[in-house]
Amino acid sequence: MPKCIVIEPHLILQELEDRYRESQNKIESVHYQTIWLLATGKTTAEVSAITGYGVPWIYELVRSYNLYGPKILGDLRRNNKGTARLLNNQQLQLLQQTLQLPPEDGGLWNGPKVANWMSKLLNRKVYPQRGWEYLQKLGYVVPSSKSHSCHPSKSYTNL
């Protein structure tokens, strides 16, 4: 026999149903549907069959809803601001100027070389992929190997 689930009365049944039916966000809609169905007396197995979510996830959703109320329902990732940029505008300009010069070890600028330069500037490890991302962000491209005119002084071209 399934455990009895208690839904805290943060919202009345009609409000839960209205929010479920009116929600434009799919995740939020399913969250409200889950809480609404449980509040109407359906079992977790029935709700799982209707929504397609597993029973453990339903228990977790109910636990969160009971603790925090309706503000916890929906896709909370939309509130993520992301991390701060690795380089500020001044550092980005310095990188732009540095890319006009040949790298210390010669050759062409590439992701690992830019990441190494950024590591020295920031006094922390910067992964090569981030160097490549900043090269792309600044509009630099690797000259094509099919290019007819290759000149060693032009390591990258700015678009």
N, C-alpha and C. Protein backbone atom coordinates (compact mmCIF):
# COMPACT_ATOMS: atom_id res chain seq x y z
N MET A 1 0.85 -1.18 0.00
CA MET A 1 0.00 0.00 0.00
C MET A 1 0.89 1.24 0.00
N PRO A 2 0.62 2.20 -0.91
CA PRO A 2 1.45 3.39 -0.98
C PRO A 2 1.28 4.28 0.24
N LYS A 3 2.37 5.01 0.52
CA LYS A 3 2.34 5.96 1.62
C LYS A 3 1.32 7.06 1.36
N CYS A 4 0.75 7.57 2.41
CA CYS A 4 -0.17 8.69 2.29
C CYS A 4 0.65 9.98 2.14
N ILE A 5 0.39 10.71 1.10
CA ILE A 5 1.12 11.97 0.87
C ILE A 5 0.24 13.11 1.33
N VAL A 6 0.82 13.99 2.12
CA VAL A 6 0.11 15.17 2.61
C VAL A 6 0.62 16.37 1.83
N ILE A 7 -0.31 17.12 1.24
CA ILE A 7 0.04 18.33 0.50
C ILE A 7 -0.35 19.52 1.38
N GLU A 8 0.63 20.35 1.69
CA GLU A 8 0.35 21.56 2.49
C GLU A 8 -0.59 22.47 1.70
N PRO A 9 -1.56 23.08 2.36
CA PRO A 9 -2.55 23.90 1.65
C PRO A 9 -2.05 25.32 1.33
N HIS A 10 -0.95 25.41 0.59
CA HIS A 10 -0.46 26.73 0.17
C HIS A 10 -1.46 27.38 -0.79
N LEU A 11 -2.07 26.55 -1.62
CA LEU A 11 -3.09 27.00 -2.57
C LEU A 11 -4.28 26.06 -2.48
N ILE A 12 -5.47 26.60 -2.76
CA ILE A 12 -6.65 25.73 -2.77
C ILE A 12 -6.65 24.92 -4.07
N LEU A 13 -7.45 23.86 -4.11
CA LEU A 13 -7.50 22.97 -5.28
C LEU A 13 -7.76 23.73 -6.58
N GLN A 14 -8.71 24.66 -6.54
CA GLN A 14 -9.06 25.39 -7.76
C GLN A 14 -7.88 26.22 -8.27
N GLU A 15 -7.12 26.83 -7.35
CA GLU A 15 -5.93 27.60 -7.75
C GLU A 15 -4.88 26.69 -8.38
N LEU A 16 -4.68 25.52 -7.79
CA LEU A 16 -3.72 24.56 -8.36
C LEU A 16 -4.13 24.16 -9.77
N GLU A 17 -5.42 23.84 -9.94
CA GLU A 17 -5.91 23.44 -11.26
C GLU A 17 -5.79 24.59 -12.26
N ASP A 18 -6.16 25.79 -11.84
CA ASP A 18 -6.07 26.96 -12.74
C ASP A 18 -4.63 27.21 -13.17
N ARG A 19 -3.71 27.14 -12.23
CA ARG A 19 -2.30 27.37 -12.58
C ARG A 19 -1.77 26.27 -13.49
N TYR A 20 -2.23 25.05 -13.26
CA TYR A 20 -1.83 23.94 -14.13
C TYR A 20 -2.34 24.18 -15.56
N ARG A 21 -3.58 24.56 -15.69
CA ARG A 21 -4.18 24.72 -17.02
C ARG A 21 -3.72 26.00 -17.73
N GLU A 22 -3.38 27.05 -16.97
CA GLU A 22 -3.03 28.33 -17.57
C GLU A 22 -1.53 28.53 -17.78
N SER A 23 -0.74 27.66 -17.23
CA SER A 23 0.71 27.83 -17.34
C SER A 23 1.19 27.71 -18.78
N GLN A 24 2.04 28.63 -19.20
CA GLN A 24 2.62 28.60 -20.54
C GLN A 24 3.90 27.77 -20.56
N ASN A 25 4.47 27.53 -19.38
CA ASN A 25 5.72 26.79 -19.27
C ASN A 25 5.40 25.32 -19.01
N LYS A 26 5.93 24.45 -19.86
CA LYS A 26 5.62 23.02 -19.77
C LYS A 26 6.02 22.42 -18.42
N ILE A 27 7.21 22.74 -17.95
CA ILE A 27 7.68 22.17 -16.68
C ILE A 27 6.81 22.65 -15.53
N GLU A 28 6.53 23.95 -15.50
CA GLU A 28 5.69 24.51 -14.45
C GLU A 28 4.30 23.87 -14.50
N SER A 29 3.78 23.68 -15.69
CA SER A 29 2.46 23.07 -15.85
C SER A 29 2.42 21.66 -15.25
N VAL A 30 3.43 20.86 -15.55
CA VAL A 30 3.48 19.48 -15.03
C VAL A 30 3.65 19.49 -13.51
N HIS A 31 4.43 20.43 -12.99
CA HIS A 31 4.60 20.52 -11.53
C HIS A 31 3.26 20.82 -10.86
N TYR A 32 2.53 21.81 -11.39
CA TYR A 32 1.22 22.13 -10.82
C TYR A 32 0.25 20.96 -10.99
N GLN A 33 0.30 20.30 -12.14
CA GLN A 33 -0.57 19.15 -12.37
C GLN A 33 -0.29 18.06 -11.34
N THR A 34 0.98 17.80 -11.08
CA THR A 34 1.37 16.77 -10.11
C THR A 34 0.82 17.09 -8.72
N ILE A 35 1.04 18.30 -8.26
CA ILE A 35 0.56 18.70 -6.93
C ILE A 35 -0.97 18.68 -6.89
N TRP A 36 -1.60 19.17 -7.95
CA TRP A 36 -3.06 19.21 -8.01
C TRP A 36 -3.64 17.79 -7.96
N LEU A 37 -3.09 16.87 -8.75
CA LEU A 37 -3.59 15.49 -8.76
C LEU A 37 -3.43 14.83 -7.40
N LEU A 38 -2.28 15.04 -6.77
CA LEU A 38 -2.07 14.47 -5.44
C LEU A 38 -3.03 15.08 -4.42
N ALA A 39 -3.28 16.39 -4.55
CA ALA A 39 -4.19 17.07 -3.62
C ALA A 39 -5.62 16.58 -3.80
N THR A 40 -5.96 16.10 -5.00
CA THR A 40 -7.32 15.58 -5.22
C THR A 40 -7.48 14.16 -4.71
N GLY A 41 -6.37 13.53 -4.27
CA GLY A 41 -6.46 12.21 -3.68
C GLY A 41 -5.90 11.09 -4.54
N LYS A 42 -5.34 11.41 -5.67
CA LYS A 42 -4.74 10.37 -6.51
C LYS A 42 -3.48 9.84 -5.84
N THR A 43 -3.15 8.58 -6.12
CA THR A 43 -1.94 7.97 -5.54
C THR A 43 -0.73 8.39 -6.36
N THR A 44 0.44 8.18 -5.77
CA THR A 44 1.67 8.53 -6.49
C THR A 44 1.82 7.67 -7.74
N ALA A 45 1.39 6.42 -7.69
CA ALA A 45 1.46 5.55 -8.86
C ALA A 45 0.58 6.08 -9.99
N GLU A 46 -0.62 6.53 -9.64
CA GLU A 46 -1.52 7.10 -10.65
C GLU A 46 -0.93 8.38 -11.24
N VAL A 47 -0.41 9.23 -10.38
CA VAL A 47 0.18 10.49 -10.84
C VAL A 47 1.41 10.21 -11.70
N SER A 48 2.18 9.22 -11.32
CA SER A 48 3.35 8.83 -12.10
C SER A 48 2.94 8.38 -13.50
N ALA A 49 1.88 7.60 -13.58
CA ALA A 49 1.39 7.12 -14.88
C ALA A 49 0.86 8.27 -15.73
N ILE A 50 0.22 9.24 -15.11
CA ILE A 50 -0.36 10.38 -15.84
C ILE A 50 0.74 11.33 -16.33
N THR A 51 1.67 11.66 -15.45
CA THR A 51 2.68 12.67 -15.78
C THR A 51 3.93 12.10 -16.44
N GLY A 52 4.19 10.83 -16.22
CA GLY A 52 5.40 10.23 -16.77
C GLY A 52 6.62 10.41 -15.88
N TYR A 53 6.45 11.00 -14.73
CA TYR A 53 7.56 11.18 -13.79
C TYR A 53 7.60 10.03 -12.80
N GLY A 54 8.80 9.71 -12.34
CA GLY A 54 8.98 8.62 -11.39
C GLY A 54 8.48 8.99 -10.00
N VAL A 55 8.16 7.96 -9.24
CA VAL A 55 7.66 8.16 -7.88
C VAL A 55 8.67 8.90 -7.00
N PRO A 56 9.97 8.56 -7.04
CA PRO A 56 10.92 9.30 -6.20
C PRO A 56 10.94 10.80 -6.53
N TRP A 57 10.84 11.13 -7.81
CA TRP A 57 10.82 12.54 -8.20
C TRP A 57 9.56 13.22 -7.66
N ILE A 58 8.43 12.52 -7.69
CA ILE A 58 7.17 13.08 -7.18
C ILE A 58 7.30 13.36 -5.68
N TYR A 59 7.91 12.42 -4.95
CA TYR A 59 8.12 12.65 -3.51
C TYR A 59 8.99 13.89 -3.28
N GLU A 60 10.03 14.04 -4.09
CA GLU A 60 10.92 15.20 -3.95
C GLU A 60 10.18 16.50 -4.26
N LEU A 61 9.35 16.50 -5.30
CA LEU A 61 8.57 17.68 -5.65
C LEU A 61 7.62 18.05 -4.52
N VAL A 62 6.95 17.06 -3.96
CA VAL A 62 6.01 17.30 -2.85
C VAL A 62 6.75 17.84 -1.63
N ARG A 63 7.90 17.26 -1.33
CA ARG A 63 8.69 17.73 -0.19
C ARG A 63 9.06 19.20 -0.37
N SER A 64 9.51 19.56 -1.55
CA SER A 64 9.89 20.95 -1.83
C SER A 64 8.68 21.87 -1.78
N TYR A 65 7.57 21.43 -2.36
CA TYR A 65 6.35 22.24 -2.36
C TYR A 65 5.86 22.47 -0.93
N ASN A 66 5.87 21.42 -0.12
CA ASN A 66 5.41 21.56 1.26
C ASN A 66 6.30 22.51 2.05
N LEU A 67 7.60 22.51 1.77
CA LEU A 67 8.53 23.40 2.48
C LEU A 67 8.47 24.84 1.99
N TYR A 68 8.43 25.03 0.67
CA TYR A 68 8.61 26.37 0.10
C TYR A 68 7.39 26.96 -0.58
N GLY A 69 6.38 26.15 -0.81
CA GLY A 69 5.18 26.66 -1.46
C GLY A 69 5.31 26.71 -2.97
N PRO A 70 4.38 27.41 -3.63
CA PRO A 70 4.32 27.41 -5.08
C PRO A 70 5.52 28.06 -5.77
N LYS A 71 6.28 28.88 -5.06
CA LYS A 71 7.44 29.54 -5.70
C LYS A 71 8.50 28.53 -6.15
N ILE A 72 8.44 27.30 -5.63
CA ILE A 72 9.43 26.28 -5.97
C ILE A 72 9.04 25.53 -7.25
N LEU A 73 7.81 25.70 -7.70
CA LEU A 73 7.34 24.96 -8.88
C LEU A 73 7.80 25.64 -10.17
N GLY A 74 8.07 24.84 -11.16
CA GLY A 74 8.52 25.37 -12.45
C GLY A 74 10.00 25.14 -12.64
N ASP A 75 10.49 25.57 -13.79
CA ASP A 75 11.90 25.41 -14.13
C ASP A 75 12.68 26.56 -13.51
N LEU A 76 13.32 26.30 -12.38
CA LEU A 76 14.02 27.35 -11.65
C LEU A 76 15.34 27.74 -12.31
N ARG A 77 15.75 27.01 -13.34
CA ARG A 77 16.99 27.36 -14.03
C ARG A 77 16.87 28.71 -14.72
N ARG A 78 15.66 29.15 -15.02
CA ARG A 78 15.48 30.44 -15.69
C ARG A 78 15.97 31.60 -14.81
N ASN A 79 16.12 31.33 -13.51
CA ASN A 79 16.60 32.37 -12.59
C ASN A 79 18.12 32.42 -12.49
N ASN A 80 18.80 31.44 -13.11
CA ASN A 80 20.26 31.43 -13.06
C ASN A 80 20.82 32.59 -13.87
N LYS A 81 21.68 33.35 -13.26
CA LYS A 81 22.28 34.49 -13.94
C LYS A 81 23.54 34.09 -14.70
N GLY A 82 24.06 32.91 -14.42
CA GLY A 82 25.31 32.50 -15.04
C GLY A 82 26.49 33.04 -14.26
N THR A 83 27.67 32.66 -14.69
CA THR A 83 28.87 33.11 -14.00
C THR A 83 29.35 34.43 -14.59
N ALA A 84 30.18 35.10 -13.85
CA ALA A 84 30.76 36.35 -14.33
C ALA A 84 31.71 36.04 -15.48
N ARG A 85 31.88 37.02 -16.36
CA ARG A 85 32.81 36.84 -17.48
C ARG A 85 34.22 36.65 -16.96
N LEU A 86 35.00 35.91 -17.69
CA LEU A 86 36.37 35.63 -17.30
C LEU A 86 37.22 36.90 -17.41
N LEU A 87 37.05 37.65 -18.49
CA LEU A 87 37.79 38.90 -18.68
C LEU A 87 36.83 40.08 -18.69
N ASN A 88 37.21 41.15 -17.99
CA ASN A 88 36.40 42.36 -18.04
C ASN A 88 36.75 43.12 -19.33
N ASN A 89 36.09 44.24 -19.59
CA ASN A 89 36.30 44.98 -20.84
C ASN A 89 37.74 45.43 -21.01
N GLN A 90 38.35 45.90 -19.93
CA GLN A 90 39.73 46.37 -20.00
C GLN A 90 40.68 45.21 -20.35
N GLN A 91 40.48 44.07 -19.72
CA GLN A 91 41.31 42.90 -20.00
C GLN A 91 41.07 42.38 -21.42
N LEU A 92 39.84 42.50 -21.88
CA LEU A 92 39.51 42.08 -23.24
C LEU A 92 40.24 42.95 -24.27
N GLN A 93 40.30 44.26 -24.00
CA GLN A 93 41.04 45.17 -24.89
C GLN A 93 42.53 44.83 -24.88
N LEU A 94 43.05 44.51 -23.71
CA LEU A 94 44.46 44.13 -23.60
C LEU A 94 44.72 42.85 -24.40
N LEU A 95 43.81 41.90 -24.34
CA LEU A 95 43.95 40.67 -25.13
C LEU A 95 43.92 41.01 -26.61
N GLN A 96 43.01 41.88 -27.01
CA GLN A 96 42.91 42.29 -28.42
C GLN A 96 44.24 42.87 -28.90
N GLN A 97 44.85 43.71 -28.07
CA GLN A 97 46.14 44.32 -28.43
C GLN A 97 47.24 43.26 -28.48
N THR A 98 47.21 42.34 -27.53
CA THR A 98 48.23 41.29 -27.46
C THR A 98 48.16 40.38 -28.68
N LEU A 99 46.96 40.13 -29.17
CA LEU A 99 46.80 39.26 -30.33
C LEU A 99 47.36 39.87 -31.61
N GLN A 100 47.60 41.18 -31.59
CA GLN A 100 48.20 41.83 -32.75
C GLN A 100 49.69 41.50 -32.85
N LEU A 101 50.28 41.06 -31.74
CA LEU A 101 51.70 40.69 -31.69
C LEU A 101 51.83 39.18 -31.83
N PRO A 102 52.99 38.70 -32.27
CA PRO A 102 53.17 37.24 -32.32
C PRO A 102 53.26 36.67 -30.91
N PRO A 103 52.85 35.41 -30.72
CA PRO A 103 52.95 34.79 -29.39
C PRO A 103 54.41 34.67 -28.96
N GLU A 104 54.64 34.55 -27.66
CA GLU A 104 56.00 34.47 -27.11
C GLU A 104 56.80 33.33 -27.73
N ASP A 105 56.14 32.19 -27.94
CA ASP A 105 56.86 31.02 -28.46
C ASP A 105 56.82 30.93 -29.98
N GLY A 106 56.34 31.99 -30.62
CA GLY A 106 56.26 31.99 -32.08
C GLY A 106 55.05 31.22 -32.55
N GLY A 107 54.94 31.05 -33.84
CA GLY A 107 53.81 30.33 -34.41
C GLY A 107 52.56 31.18 -34.45
N LEU A 108 51.45 30.51 -34.40
CA LEU A 108 50.15 31.17 -34.48
C LEU A 108 49.48 31.19 -33.11
N TRP A 109 48.64 32.20 -32.89
CA TRP A 109 47.81 32.20 -31.68
C TRP A 109 46.79 31.08 -31.82
N ASN A 110 46.57 30.38 -30.74
CA ASN A 110 45.55 29.33 -30.70
C ASN A 110 44.93 29.32 -29.30
N GLY A 111 43.95 28.45 -29.10
CA GLY A 111 43.25 28.38 -27.81
C GLY A 111 44.17 28.18 -26.63
N PRO A 112 45.07 27.19 -26.65
CA PRO A 112 45.96 26.97 -25.51
C PRO A 112 46.88 28.15 -25.24
N LYS A 113 47.37 28.81 -26.29
CA LYS A 113 48.27 29.96 -26.08
C LYS A 113 47.51 31.14 -25.47
N VAL A 114 46.30 31.37 -25.95
CA VAL A 114 45.49 32.45 -25.38
C VAL A 114 45.12 32.11 -23.94
N ALA A 115 44.77 30.86 -23.67
CA ALA A 115 44.44 30.44 -22.31
C ALA A 115 45.64 30.61 -21.39
N ASN A 116 46.82 30.28 -21.87
CA ASN A 116 48.04 30.46 -21.08
C ASN A 116 48.27 31.94 -20.77
N TRP A 117 48.08 32.80 -21.77
CA TRP A 117 48.22 34.24 -21.56
C TRP A 117 47.19 34.72 -20.52
N MET A 118 45.95 34.24 -20.64
CA MET A 118 44.90 34.62 -19.69
C MET A 118 45.23 34.12 -18.29
N SER A 119 45.80 32.92 -18.19
CA SER A 119 46.18 32.36 -16.88
C SER A 119 47.17 33.26 -16.17
N LYS A 120 48.14 33.76 -16.92
CA LYS A 120 49.14 34.66 -16.33
C LYS A 120 48.50 35.97 -15.89
N LEU A 121 47.58 36.48 -16.69
CA LEU A 121 46.90 37.74 -16.37
C LEU A 121 46.02 37.59 -15.13
N LEU A 122 45.30 36.47 -15.05
CA LEU A 122 44.31 36.27 -13.98
C LEU A 122 44.87 35.55 -12.75
N ASN A 123 46.09 35.03 -12.85
CA ASN A 123 46.71 34.26 -11.76
C ASN A 123 45.86 33.06 -11.35
N ARG A 124 45.31 32.38 -12.35
CA ARG A 124 44.56 31.16 -12.11
C ARG A 124 44.53 30.34 -13.40
N LYS A 125 44.18 29.07 -13.28
CA LYS A 125 44.15 28.19 -14.45
C LYS A 125 42.99 28.57 -15.35
N VAL A 126 43.28 28.62 -16.64
CA VAL A 126 42.25 28.84 -17.65
C VAL A 126 42.37 27.69 -18.65
N TYR A 127 41.28 27.01 -18.91
CA TYR A 127 41.31 25.87 -19.81
C TYR A 127 41.45 26.32 -21.26
N PRO A 128 42.13 25.52 -22.08
CA PRO A 128 42.36 25.89 -23.48
C PRO A 128 41.08 26.23 -24.24
N GLN A 129 40.00 25.55 -23.93
CA GLN A 129 38.73 25.84 -24.62
C GLN A 129 38.32 27.30 -24.42
N ARG A 130 38.56 27.83 -23.23
CA ARG A 130 38.20 29.23 -22.97
C ARG A 130 39.04 30.18 -23.81
N GLY A 131 40.31 29.82 -24.04
CA GLY A 131 41.16 30.62 -24.92
C GLY A 131 40.59 30.65 -26.33
N TRP A 132 40.16 29.48 -26.80
CA TRP A 132 39.56 29.40 -28.13
C TRP A 132 38.28 30.21 -28.19
N GLU A 133 37.46 30.15 -27.15
CA GLU A 133 36.22 30.93 -27.12
C GLU A 133 36.50 32.42 -27.23
N TYR A 134 37.54 32.89 -26.53
CA TYR A 134 37.87 34.31 -26.59
C TYR A 134 38.43 34.69 -27.95
N LEU A 135 39.18 33.81 -28.60
CA LEU A 135 39.63 34.08 -29.96
C LEU A 135 38.43 34.27 -30.88
N GLN A 136 37.46 33.39 -30.77
CA GLN A 136 36.26 33.49 -31.59
C GLN A 136 35.46 34.75 -31.25
N LYS A 137 35.36 35.05 -29.97
CA LYS A 137 34.61 36.22 -29.53
C LYS A 137 35.19 37.50 -30.13
N LEU A 138 36.50 37.54 -30.26
CA LEU A 138 37.17 38.71 -30.82
C LEU A 138 37.21 38.68 -32.35
N GLY A 139 36.64 37.64 -32.94
CA GLY A 139 36.53 37.58 -34.39
C GLY A 139 37.75 37.05 -35.10
N TYR A 140 38.62 36.36 -34.40
CA TYR A 140 39.82 35.82 -35.02
C TYR A 140 39.53 34.42 -35.54
N VAL A 141 40.10 34.13 -36.72
CA VAL A 141 39.94 32.81 -37.32
C VAL A 141 41.30 32.28 -37.72
N VAL A 142 41.43 30.99 -37.73
CA VAL A 142 42.67 30.36 -38.17
C VAL A 142 42.71 30.45 -39.69
N PRO A 143 43.83 30.89 -40.26
CA PRO A 143 43.90 30.93 -41.72
C PRO A 143 43.75 29.52 -42.29
N SER A 144 43.04 29.42 -43.36
CA SER A 144 42.81 28.12 -43.99
C SER A 144 44.10 27.56 -44.54
N SER A 145 44.28 26.25 -44.42
CA SER A 145 45.47 25.61 -44.98
C SER A 145 45.40 25.61 -46.50
N LYS A 146 44.22 25.86 -47.05
CA LYS A 146 44.05 25.91 -48.50
C LYS A 146 44.36 27.31 -49.04
N SER A 147 44.66 28.23 -48.12
CA SER A 147 44.94 29.60 -48.53
C SER A 147 46.18 29.64 -49.42
N HIS A 148 46.09 30.42 -50.48
CA HIS A 148 47.20 30.51 -51.42
C HIS A 148 48.32 31.40 -50.90
N SER A 149 47.97 32.37 -50.09
CA SER A 149 49.01 33.27 -49.59
C SER A 149 49.10 33.13 -48.08
N CYS A 150 50.11 32.46 -47.62
CA CYS A 150 50.35 32.30 -46.19
C CYS A 150 51.56 33.14 -45.84
N HIS A 151 51.38 34.02 -44.93
CA HIS A 151 52.49 34.86 -44.50
C HIS A 151 52.66 34.65 -43.00
N PRO A 152 53.86 34.27 -42.53
CA PRO A 152 54.04 33.95 -41.11
C PRO A 152 53.76 35.11 -40.17
N SER A 153 53.84 36.34 -40.64
CA SER A 153 53.60 37.46 -39.74
C SER A 153 52.11 37.65 -39.47
N LYS A 154 51.27 37.05 -40.30
CA LYS A 154 49.82 37.17 -40.09
C LYS A 154 49.32 35.86 -39.51
N SER A 155 49.39 35.75 -38.20
CA SER A 155 49.01 34.49 -37.57
C SER A 155 47.51 34.29 -37.57
N TYR A 156 46.77 35.35 -37.39
CA TYR A 156 45.31 35.30 -37.41
C TYR A 156 44.83 36.52 -38.13
N THR A 157 43.66 36.42 -38.68
CA THR A 157 43.05 37.58 -39.31
C THR A 157 41.82 37.94 -38.52
N ASN A 158 41.60 39.20 -38.36
CA ASN A 158 40.44 39.68 -37.64
C ASN A 158 39.33 39.93 -38.64
N LEU A 159 38.18 39.32 -38.43
CA LEU A 159 37.06 39.48 -39.37
C LEU A 159 36.48 40.86 -39.30
